[in-house]
Amino acid sequence: MQRKTLTVQEVADYLGVHQDTIYTMVRQKQIPHFRVRRRIFFNQNTIDAWIEKQETMIVREAI
């Protein structure tokens, strides 16, 4: 399985938010990420799974 690594800017673009939002979410441990030294990266498959989990949680709360 091919892993695609995304930067903060790429995840921000992917989610349609400002990169400051991503930095805040990383600080608050709200989004899965990993670090290489001081740089922050994301695995696209993990982000996709996280998005699906967020959608499922919203649907469950609405019921």
PDB file of N, CA and C in Angstrom:
ATOM      1  N   MET A   1       0.851  -1.182   0.000  1.00  0.00           N
ATOM      2  CA  MET A   1       0.000   0.000   0.000  1.00  0.00           C
ATOM      3  C   MET A   1       0.894   1.241   0.000  1.00  0.00           C
ATOM      4  N   GLN A   2       0.617   2.145  -0.899  1.00  0.00           N
ATOM      5  CA  GLN A   2       1.401   3.373  -1.040  1.00  0.00           C
ATOM      6  C   GLN A   2       1.005   4.386   0.028  1.00  0.00           C
ATOM      7  N   ARG A   3       1.981   4.906   0.734  1.00  0.00           N
ATOM      8  CA  ARG A   3       1.711   5.947   1.732  1.00  0.00           C
ATOM      9  C   ARG A   3       2.061   7.299   1.145  1.00  0.00           C
ATOM     10  N   LYS A   4       1.152   8.231   1.331  1.00  0.00           N
ATOM     11  CA  LYS A   4       1.417   9.600   0.876  1.00  0.00           C
ATOM     12  C   LYS A   4       1.513  10.479   2.109  1.00  0.00           C
ATOM     13  N   THR A   5       2.612  11.177   2.213  1.00  0.00           N
ATOM     14  CA  THR A   5       2.849  12.075   3.335  1.00  0.00           C
ATOM     15  C   THR A   5       2.490  13.488   2.909  1.00  0.00           C
ATOM     16  N   LEU A   6       1.742  14.172   3.788  1.00  0.00           N
ATOM     17  CA  LEU A   6       1.304  15.537   3.503  1.00  0.00           C
ATOM     18  C   LEU A   6       1.933  16.509   4.494  1.00  0.00           C
ATOM     19  N   THR A   7       2.145  17.737   4.040  1.00  0.00           N
ATOM     20  CA  THR A   7       2.627  18.806   4.901  1.00  0.00           C
ATOM     21  C   THR A   7       1.434  19.517   5.542  1.00  0.00           C
ATOM     22  N   VAL A   8       1.718  20.433   6.438  1.00  0.00           N
ATOM     23  CA  VAL A   8       0.660  21.224   7.068  1.00  0.00           C
ATOM     24  C   VAL A   8      -0.145  21.972   6.003  1.00  0.00           C
ATOM     25  N   GLN A   9       0.524  22.600   5.066  1.00  0.00           N
ATOM     26  CA  GLN A   9      -0.176  23.358   4.020  1.00  0.00           C
ATOM     27  C   GLN A   9      -1.034  22.440   3.163  1.00  0.00           C
ATOM     28  N   GLU A  10      -0.516  21.271   2.824  1.00  0.00           N
ATOM     29  CA  GLU A  10      -1.284  20.334   2.001  1.00  0.00           C
ATOM     30  C   GLU A  10      -2.534  19.840   2.729  1.00  0.00           C
ATOM     31  N   VAL A  11      -2.418  19.558   4.030  1.00  0.00           N
ATOM     32  CA  VAL A  11      -3.587  19.125   4.804  1.00  0.00           C
ATOM     33  C   VAL A  11      -4.589  20.272   4.921  1.00  0.00           C
ATOM     34  N   ALA A  12      -4.099  21.484   5.119  1.00  0.00           N
ATOM     35  CA  ALA A  12      -4.983  22.644   5.191  1.00  0.00           C
ATOM     36  C   ALA A  12      -5.764  22.789   3.879  1.00  0.00           C
ATOM     37  N   ASP A  13      -5.076  22.667   2.765  1.00  0.00           N
ATOM     38  CA  ASP A  13      -5.739  22.750   1.460  1.00  0.00           C
ATOM     39  C   ASP A  13      -6.722  21.598   1.283  1.00  0.00           C
ATOM     40  N   TYR A  14      -6.324  20.406   1.691  1.00  0.00           N
ATOM     41  CA  TYR A  14      -7.153  19.206   1.566  1.00  0.00           C
ATOM     42  C   TYR A  14      -8.454  19.346   2.358  1.00  0.00           C
ATOM     43  N   LEU A  15      -8.353  19.938   3.558  1.00  0.00           N
ATOM     44  CA  LEU A  15      -9.526  20.106   4.410  1.00  0.00           C
ATOM     45  C   LEU A  15     -10.263  21.420   4.167  1.00  0.00           C
ATOM     46  N   GLY A  16      -9.635  22.327   3.426  1.00  0.00           N
ATOM     47  CA  GLY A  16     -10.270  23.608   3.135  1.00  0.00           C
ATOM     48  C   GLY A  16     -10.251  24.570   4.306  1.00  0.00           C
ATOM     49  N   VAL A  17      -9.178  24.505   5.100  1.00  0.00           N
ATOM     50  CA  VAL A  17      -9.030  25.413   6.234  1.00  0.00           C
ATOM     51  C   VAL A  17      -7.679  26.115   6.148  1.00  0.00           C
ATOM     52  N   HIS A  18      -7.474  27.106   6.998  1.00  0.00           N
ATOM     53  CA  HIS A  18      -6.219  27.835   7.045  1.00  0.00           C
ATOM     54  C   HIS A  18      -5.178  26.981   7.767  1.00  0.00           C
ATOM     55  N   GLN A  19      -3.926  27.137   7.395  1.00  0.00           N
ATOM     56  CA  GLN A  19      -2.892  26.328   8.044  1.00  0.00           C
ATOM     57  C   GLN A  19      -2.766  26.635   9.539  1.00  0.00           C
ATOM     58  N   ASP A  20      -3.134  27.827   9.967  1.00  0.00           N
ATOM     59  CA  ASP A  20      -3.132  28.123  11.409  1.00  0.00           C
ATOM     60  C   ASP A  20      -4.102  27.206  12.154  1.00  0.00           C
ATOM     61  N   THR A  21      -5.208  26.857  11.501  1.00  0.00           N
ATOM     62  CA  THR A  21      -6.174  25.928  12.096  1.00  0.00           C
ATOM     63  C   THR A  21      -5.524  24.564  12.301  1.00  0.00           C
ATOM     64  N   ILE A  22      -4.748  24.128  11.334  1.00  0.00           N
ATOM     65  CA  ILE A  22      -4.066  22.828  11.443  1.00  0.00           C
ATOM     66  C   ILE A  22      -3.054  22.870  12.578  1.00  0.00           C
ATOM     67  N   TYR A  23      -2.272  23.947  12.680  1.00  0.00           N
ATOM     68  CA  TYR A  23      -1.302  24.062  13.785  1.00  0.00           C
ATOM     69  C   TYR A  23      -2.005  24.020  15.141  1.00  0.00           C
ATOM     70  N   THR A  24      -3.152  24.681  15.246  1.00  0.00           N
ATOM     71  CA  THR A  24      -3.918  24.665  16.495  1.00  0.00           C
ATOM     72  C   THR A  24      -4.390  23.251  16.800  1.00  0.00           C
ATOM     73  N   MET A  25      -4.905  22.562  15.803  1.00  0.00           N
ATOM     74  CA  MET A  25      -5.380  21.189  15.992  1.00  0.00           C
ATOM     75  C   MET A  25      -4.238  20.255  16.391  1.00  0.00           C
ATOM     76  N   VAL A  26      -3.052  20.467  15.831  1.00  0.00           N
ATOM     77  CA  VAL A  26      -1.882  19.661  16.202  1.00  0.00           C
ATOM     78  C   VAL A  26      -1.519  19.919  17.661  1.00  0.00           C
ATOM     79  N   ARG A  27      -1.468  21.191  18.050  1.00  0.00           N
ATOM     80  CA  ARG A  27      -1.130  21.540  19.437  1.00  0.00           C
ATOM     81  C   ARG A  27      -2.105  20.914  20.421  1.00  0.00           C
ATOM     82  N   GLN A  28      -3.381  20.883  20.052  1.00  0.00           N
ATOM     83  CA  GLN A  28      -4.421  20.348  20.922  1.00  0.00           C
ATOM     84  C   GLN A  28      -4.635  18.846  20.725  1.00  0.00           C
ATOM     85  N   LYS A  29      -3.782  18.234  19.896  1.00  0.00           N
ATOM     86  CA  LYS A  29      -3.846  16.796  19.615  1.00  0.00           C
ATOM     87  C   LYS A  29      -5.221  16.367  19.098  1.00  0.00           C
ATOM     88  N   GLN A  30      -5.796  17.176  18.218  1.00  0.00           N
ATOM     89  CA  GLN A  30      -7.111  16.901  17.644  1.00  0.00           C
ATOM     90  C   GLN A  30      -7.036  16.229  16.285  1.00  0.00           C
ATOM     91  N   ILE A  31      -5.846  16.164  15.697  1.00  0.00           N
ATOM     92  CA  ILE A  31      -5.686  15.586  14.361  1.00  0.00           C
ATOM     93  C   ILE A  31      -4.436  14.700  14.380  1.00  0.00           C
ATOM     94  N   PRO A  32      -4.517  13.504  13.776  1.00  0.00           N
ATOM     95  CA  PRO A  32      -3.355  12.607  13.786  1.00  0.00           C
ATOM     96  C   PRO A  32      -2.205  13.166  12.946  1.00  0.00           C
ATOM     97  N   HIS A  33      -1.019  13.128  13.502  1.00  0.00           N
ATOM     98  CA  HIS A  33       0.159  13.662  12.824  1.00  0.00           C
ATOM     99  C   HIS A  33       1.408  12.970  13.366  1.00  0.00           C
ATOM    100  N   PHE A  34       2.533  13.238  12.733  1.00  0.00           N
ATOM    101  CA  PHE A  34       3.816  12.793  13.257  1.00  0.00           C
ATOM    102  C   PHE A  34       4.860  13.855  12.945  1.00  0.00           C
ATOM    103  N   ARG A  35       5.929  13.800  13.681  1.00  0.00           N
ATOM    104  CA  ARG A  35       6.986  14.800  13.522  1.00  0.00           C
ATOM    105  C   ARG A  35       8.293  14.148  13.088  1.00  0.00           C
ATOM    106  N   VAL A  36       9.017  14.877  12.271  1.00  0.00           N
ATOM    107  CA  VAL A  36      10.397  14.547  11.952  1.00  0.00           C
ATOM    108  C   VAL A  36      11.175  15.777  12.366  1.00  0.00           C
ATOM    109  N   ARG A  37      11.861  15.621  13.488  1.00  0.00           N
ATOM    110  CA  ARG A  37      12.481  16.755  14.172  1.00  0.00           C
ATOM    111  C   ARG A  37      11.406  17.794  14.478  1.00  0.00           C
ATOM    112  N   ARG A  38      11.484  18.983  13.929  1.00  0.00           N
ATOM    113  CA  ARG A  38      10.494  20.024  14.236  1.00  0.00           C
ATOM    114  C   ARG A  38       9.369  20.110  13.207  1.00  0.00           C
ATOM    115  N   ARG A  39       9.512  19.367  12.103  1.00  0.00           N
ATOM    116  CA  ARG A  39       8.510  19.443  11.044  1.00  0.00           C
ATOM    117  C   ARG A  39       7.340  18.519  11.339  1.00  0.00           C
ATOM    118  N   ILE A  40       6.163  18.938  10.935  1.00  0.00           N
ATOM    119  CA  ILE A  40       4.922  18.188  11.170  1.00  0.00           C
ATOM    120  C   ILE A  40       4.450  17.605   9.842  1.00  0.00           C
ATOM    121  N   PHE A  41       4.094  16.308   9.875  1.00  0.00           N
ATOM    122  CA  PHE A  41       3.611  15.624   8.686  1.00  0.00           C
ATOM    123  C   PHE A  41       2.362  14.828   9.013  1.00  0.00           C
ATOM    124  N   PHE A  42       1.649  14.454   7.962  1.00  0.00           N
ATOM    125  CA  PHE A  42       0.418  13.694   8.074  1.00  0.00           C
ATOM    126  C   PHE A  42       0.434  12.589   7.038  1.00  0.00           C
ATOM    127  N   ASN A  43      -0.122  11.437   7.392  1.00  0.00           N
ATOM    128  CA  ASN A  43      -0.301  10.352   6.441  1.00  0.00           C
ATOM    129  C   ASN A  43      -1.693  10.524   5.841  1.00  0.00           C
ATOM    130  N   GLN A  44      -1.791  10.589   4.523  1.00  0.00           N
ATOM    131  CA  GLN A  44      -3.085  10.856   3.891  1.00  0.00           C
ATOM    132  C   GLN A  44      -4.112   9.774   4.225  1.00  0.00           C
ATOM    133  N   ASN A  45      -3.713   8.507   4.283  1.00  0.00           N
ATOM    134  CA  ASN A  45      -4.663   7.442   4.628  1.00  0.00           C
ATOM    135  C   ASN A  45      -5.199   7.642   6.045  1.00  0.00           C
ATOM    136  N   THR A  46      -4.343   8.062   6.958  1.00  0.00           N
ATOM    137  CA  THR A  46      -4.763   8.314   8.335  1.00  0.00           C
ATOM    138  C   THR A  46      -5.712   9.503   8.400  1.00  0.00           C
ATOM    139  N   ILE A  47      -5.430  10.535   7.628  1.00  0.00           N
ATOM    140  CA  ILE A  47      -6.301  11.712   7.592  1.00  0.00           C
ATOM    141  C   ILE A  47      -7.666  11.329   7.017  1.00  0.00           C
ATOM    142  N   ASP A  48      -7.677  10.514   5.964  1.00  0.00           N
ATOM    143  CA  ASP A  48      -8.950  10.069   5.385  1.00  0.00           C
ATOM    144  C   ASP A  48      -9.764   9.273   6.406  1.00  0.00           C
ATOM    145  N   ALA A  49      -9.098   8.383   7.159  1.00  0.00           N
ATOM    146  CA  ALA A  49      -9.784   7.607   8.193  1.00  0.00           C
ATOM    147  C   ALA A  49     -10.290   8.525   9.300  1.00  0.00           C
ATOM    148  N   TRP A  50      -9.506   9.535   9.657  1.00  0.00           N
ATOM    149  CA  TRP A  50      -9.904  10.508  10.684  1.00  0.00           C
ATOM    150  C   TRP A  50     -11.147  11.282  10.227  1.00  0.00           C
ATOM    151  N   ILE A  51     -11.184  11.665   8.957  1.00  0.00           N
ATOM    152  CA  ILE A  51     -12.346  12.378   8.408  1.00  0.00           C
ATOM    153  C   ILE A  51     -13.587  11.487   8.521  1.00  0.00           C
ATOM    154  N   GLU A  52     -13.460  10.221   8.138  1.00  0.00           N
ATOM    155  CA  GLU A  52     -14.602   9.298   8.227  1.00  0.00           C
ATOM    156  C   GLU A  52     -15.070   9.149   9.669  1.00  0.00           C
ATOM    157  N   LYS A  53     -14.131   9.086  10.601  1.00  0.00           N
ATOM    158  CA  LYS A  53     -14.487   8.979  12.015  1.00  0.00           C
ATOM    159  C   LYS A  53     -15.244  10.230  12.468  1.00  0.00           C
ATOM    160  N   GLN A  54     -14.800  11.410  12.029  1.00  0.00           N
ATOM    161  CA  GLN A  54     -15.474  12.656  12.384  1.00  0.00           C
ATOM    162  C   GLN A  54     -16.905  12.651  11.851  1.00  0.00           C
ATOM    163  N   GLU A  55     -17.075  12.190  10.610  1.00  0.00           N
ATOM    164  CA  GLU A  55     -18.405  12.135  10.008  1.00  0.00           C
ATOM    165  C   GLU A  55     -19.313  11.186  10.792  1.00  0.00           C
ATOM    166  N   THR A  56     -18.776  10.035  11.177  1.00  0.00           N
ATOM    167  CA  THR A  56     -19.548   9.048  11.939  1.00  0.00           C
ATOM    168  C   THR A  56     -19.967   9.605  13.286  1.00  0.00           C
ATOM    169  N   MET A  57     -19.062  10.327  13.952  1.00  0.00           N
ATOM    170  CA  MET A  57     -19.384  10.911  15.258  1.00  0.00           C
ATOM    171  C   MET A  57     -20.507  11.940  15.123  1.00  0.00           C
ATOM    172  N   ILE A  58     -20.484  12.731  14.073  1.00  0.00           N
ATOM    173  CA  ILE A  58     -21.513  13.762  13.865  1.00  0.00           C
ATOM    174  C   ILE A  58     -22.867  13.094  13.624  1.00  0.00           C
ATOM    175  N   VAL A  59     -22.890  12.040  12.836  1.00  0.00           N
ATOM    176  CA  VAL A  59     -24.145  11.330  12.550  1.00  0.00           C
ATOM    177  C   VAL A  59     -24.698  10.726  13.830  1.00  0.00           C
ATOM    178  N   ARG A  60     -23.850  10.122  14.645  1.00  0.00           N
ATOM    179  CA  ARG A  60     -24.292   9.508  15.900  1.00  0.00           C
ATOM    180  C   ARG A  60     -24.855  10.561  16.860  1.00  0.00           C
ATOM    181  N   GLU A  61     -24.230  11.733  16.908  1.00  0.00           N
ATOM    182  CA  GLU A  61     -24.703  12.802  17.796  1.00  0.00           C
ATOM    183  C   GLU A  61     -26.065  13.325  17.347  1.00  0.00           C
ATOM    184  N   ALA A  62     -26.341  13.260  16.055  1.00  0.00           N
ATOM    185  CA  ALA A  62     -27.592  13.775  15.508  1.00  0.00           C
ATOM    186  C   ALA A  62     -28.771  12.844  15.791  1.00  0.00           C
ATOM    187  N   ILE A  63     -28.464  11.590  16.070  1.00  0.00           N
ATOM    188  CA  ILE A  63     -29.535  10.602  16.301  1.00  0.00           C
ATOM    189  C   ILE A  63     -30.093  10.727  17.694  1.00  0.00           C
TER     190      ILE A  63
END
